[in-house]
């Protein structure tokens, strides 16, 4: 089950926040998307969202080489802000319905995603093709990452076990 709503940021014609609710393995997930269309004046806002984000969709247009090149910058920025070598991300090639205008080939995008160590999916927001799948995949990646970051419960229990003495 996925629901979508759109929330506009006051006093901002260039950015939009989208909110998506999703159920994954009986857990409710809320995805906030900050769409700044790559505008540099939103870089401070981007970093604020990056600090609190648990996973990221790196979206580019398959019809614009410049947006594909921006993926590298955003990937590096996320890793820098998170101070990590890897973090949950999914690279998304949008506008798959415009294949006849394609300038970024599938193989080229897959190779870049492989080098960045993140999965790749193509979608069409216009046709709603693979959009839900992209969100589900990102939630799956985030959940897997969170579980790998947590020590197993049994080890955690033994570590925190306190000795007590009764007199």
Protein backbone atom coordinates (compact mmCIF):
# COMPACT_ATOMS: atom_id res chain seq x y z
CA UNK A 1 0.00 0.00 0.00
CA UNK A 2 1.42 3.35 -1.00
CA UNK A 3 -0.17 6.74 -0.58
CA UNK A 4 1.18 9.97 -1.96
CA UNK A 5 0.56 13.59 -1.14
CA UNK A 6 2.28 16.81 -2.16
CA UNK A 7 3.25 19.53 0.28
CA UNK A 8 4.51 22.86 -1.05
CA UNK A 9 7.17 24.75 0.88
CA UNK A 10 5.96 28.31 1.61
CA UNK A 11 7.78 31.11 -0.27
CA UNK A 12 9.44 28.69 -2.63
CA UNK A 13 8.64 28.38 -6.30
CA UNK A 14 11.65 26.18 -6.99
CA UNK A 15 11.36 23.37 -4.44
CA UNK A 16 8.68 20.92 -3.45
CA UNK A 17 8.46 18.32 -0.73
CA UNK A 18 6.63 15.12 -1.56
CA UNK A 19 5.48 12.74 1.15
CA UNK A 20 5.00 9.01 0.53
CA UNK A 21 3.67 6.50 3.03
CA UNK A 22 4.52 2.85 2.54
CA UNK A 23 4.03 -0.43 4.37
CA UNK A 24 7.03 -2.77 4.29
CA UNK A 25 6.99 -6.06 6.24
CA UNK A 26 4.15 -4.75 8.41
CA UNK A 27 6.08 -1.59 9.30
CA UNK A 28 4.92 1.88 8.31
CA UNK A 29 7.52 3.97 6.47
CA UNK A 30 7.31 7.64 5.53
CA UNK A 31 9.47 8.90 2.67
CA UNK A 32 10.07 12.64 2.31
CA UNK A 33 11.38 13.80 -1.05
CA UNK A 34 12.96 17.18 -1.46
CA UNK A 35 12.74 18.13 -5.12
CA UNK A 36 14.96 21.13 -5.82
CA UNK A 37 15.50 20.29 -9.49
CA UNK A 38 19.23 20.54 -8.78
CA UNK A 39 19.04 24.25 -7.91
CA UNK A 40 22.30 25.30 -6.22
CA UNK A 41 20.51 27.83 -3.98
CA UNK A 42 19.01 24.85 -2.10
CA UNK A 43 22.35 23.23 -1.23
CA UNK A 44 22.07 24.17 2.48
CA UNK A 45 18.56 22.72 2.63
CA UNK A 46 19.82 19.61 0.83
CA UNK A 47 22.55 19.07 3.41
CA UNK A 48 20.02 19.47 6.23
CA UNK A 49 17.88 16.73 4.68
CA UNK A 50 20.97 14.61 4.05
CA UNK A 51 21.93 14.75 7.72
CA UNK A 52 18.56 13.39 8.82
CA UNK A 53 17.89 11.09 5.85
CA UNK A 54 18.05 7.32 6.22
CA UNK A 55 18.16 6.58 2.49
CA UNK A 56 18.33 8.48 -0.77
CA UNK A 57 16.95 8.27 -4.30
CA UNK A 58 19.50 9.75 -6.71
CA UNK A 59 17.23 10.67 -9.62
CA UNK A 60 18.40 11.83 -13.04
CA UNK A 61 16.76 12.24 -16.43
CA UNK A 62 17.83 9.72 -19.06
CA UNK A 63 17.35 12.57 -21.57
CA UNK A 64 19.84 14.97 -19.92
CA UNK A 65 23.52 14.15 -19.56
CA UNK A 66 24.03 17.02 -17.09
CA UNK A 67 21.55 15.52 -14.60
CA UNK A 68 23.33 12.15 -14.93
CA UNK A 69 26.65 13.84 -14.15
CA UNK A 70 25.13 15.51 -11.05
CA UNK A 71 24.58 12.04 -9.54
CA UNK A 72 28.31 11.81 -8.78
CA UNK A 73 28.22 15.13 -6.92
CA UNK A 74 25.16 14.18 -4.86
CA UNK A 75 26.58 10.74 -4.07
CA UNK A 76 29.84 12.28 -2.78
CA UNK A 77 27.93 14.95 -0.85
CA UNK A 78 25.74 12.37 0.92
CA UNK A 79 28.76 10.27 1.91
CA UNK A 80 30.58 13.39 3.14
CA UNK A 81 27.60 14.64 5.18
CA UNK A 82 27.01 11.16 6.62
CA UNK A 83 30.77 10.66 7.16
CA UNK A 84 30.51 7.14 5.73
CA UNK A 85 31.97 5.14 2.87
CA UNK A 86 28.59 3.61 2.00
CA UNK A 87 24.99 4.56 2.75
CA UNK A 88 21.56 3.37 1.51
CA UNK A 89 20.96 4.87 -1.94
CA UNK A 90 19.20 3.92 -5.14
CA UNK A 91 20.08 5.48 -8.50
CA UNK A 92 16.94 6.15 -10.57
CA UNK A 93 16.87 6.94 -14.27
CA UNK A 94 13.64 8.88 -14.83
CA UNK A 95 11.73 9.59 -18.07
CA UNK A 96 12.01 6.01 -19.32
CA UNK A 97 8.94 6.79 -21.46
CA UNK A 98 11.15 9.09 -23.57
CA UNK A 99 13.49 6.35 -24.78
CA UNK A 100 13.66 7.94 -28.24
CA UNK A 101 15.28 11.03 -26.59
CA UNK A 102 17.63 8.94 -24.45
CA UNK A 103 21.19 10.26 -24.08
CA UNK A 104 22.18 8.10 -21.08
CA UNK A 105 22.29 4.46 -22.14
CA UNK A 106 21.10 1.76 -19.72
CA UNK A 107 24.52 0.09 -19.69
CA UNK A 108 26.24 3.41 -18.91
CA UNK A 109 23.88 4.02 -15.97
CA UNK A 110 24.29 0.45 -14.69
CA UNK A 111 28.07 0.78 -14.83
CA UNK A 112 27.99 4.03 -12.87
CA UNK A 113 25.68 2.51 -10.26
CA UNK A 114 27.99 -0.49 -9.95
CA UNK A 115 31.01 1.81 -9.43
CA UNK A 116 29.06 3.74 -6.77
CA UNK A 117 28.02 0.41 -5.19
CA UNK A 118 24.31 1.22 -5.38
CA UNK A 119 21.43 -0.44 -7.28
CA UNK A 120 19.88 1.09 -10.40
CA UNK A 121 16.30 1.19 -11.67
CA UNK A 122 14.58 3.09 -14.47
CA UNK A 123 11.13 4.61 -14.13
CA UNK A 124 8.69 7.00 -15.71
CA UNK A 125 6.98 9.38 -13.30
CA UNK A 126 4.66 10.43 -16.13
CA UNK A 127 3.43 6.85 -16.74
CA UNK A 128 3.88 5.79 -13.07
CA UNK A 129 6.12 2.98 -14.34
CA UNK A 130 8.40 1.50 -11.62
CA UNK A 131 7.80 4.47 -9.30
CA UNK A 132 6.35 2.33 -6.51
CA UNK A 133 9.08 -0.25 -7.11
CA UNK A 134 11.76 2.43 -6.62
CA UNK A 135 10.31 3.40 -3.24
CA UNK A 136 9.89 -0.22 -2.15
CA UNK A 137 13.46 -0.98 -3.20
CA UNK A 138 14.81 2.02 -1.29
CA UNK A 139 12.91 0.99 1.86
CA UNK A 140 14.26 -2.56 1.47
CA UNK A 141 17.83 -1.20 1.14
CA UNK A 142 17.41 1.06 4.19
CA UNK A 143 15.95 -1.78 6.27
CA UNK A 144 18.79 -4.13 5.29
CA UNK A 145 21.34 -1.44 6.20
CA UNK A 146 19.69 -0.77 9.56
CA UNK A 147 19.69 -4.46 10.43
CA UNK A 148 23.36 -4.80 9.48
CA UNK A 149 24.24 -1.83 11.69
CA UNK A 150 22.54 -3.32 14.76
CA UNK A 151 24.39 -5.90 16.81
CA UNK A 152 22.48 -9.17 17.23
CA UNK A 153 20.14 -9.05 20.23
CA UNK A 154 21.84 -11.97 21.99
CA UNK A 155 25.27 -10.32 21.89
CA UNK A 156 23.76 -7.01 22.92
CA UNK A 157 22.08 -8.65 25.91
CA UNK A 158 25.29 -10.31 27.10
CA UNK A 159 27.22 -7.09 26.72
CA UNK A 160 24.78 -5.11 28.87
CA UNK A 161 24.37 -7.79 31.53
CA UNK A 162 25.10 -6.29 34.95
CA UNK A 163 26.24 -8.14 38.03
CA UNK A 164 24.35 -7.51 41.20
CA UNK A 165 24.85 -8.45 44.79
CA UNK A 166 22.15 -8.71 47.45
CA UNK A 167 23.02 -8.34 51.13
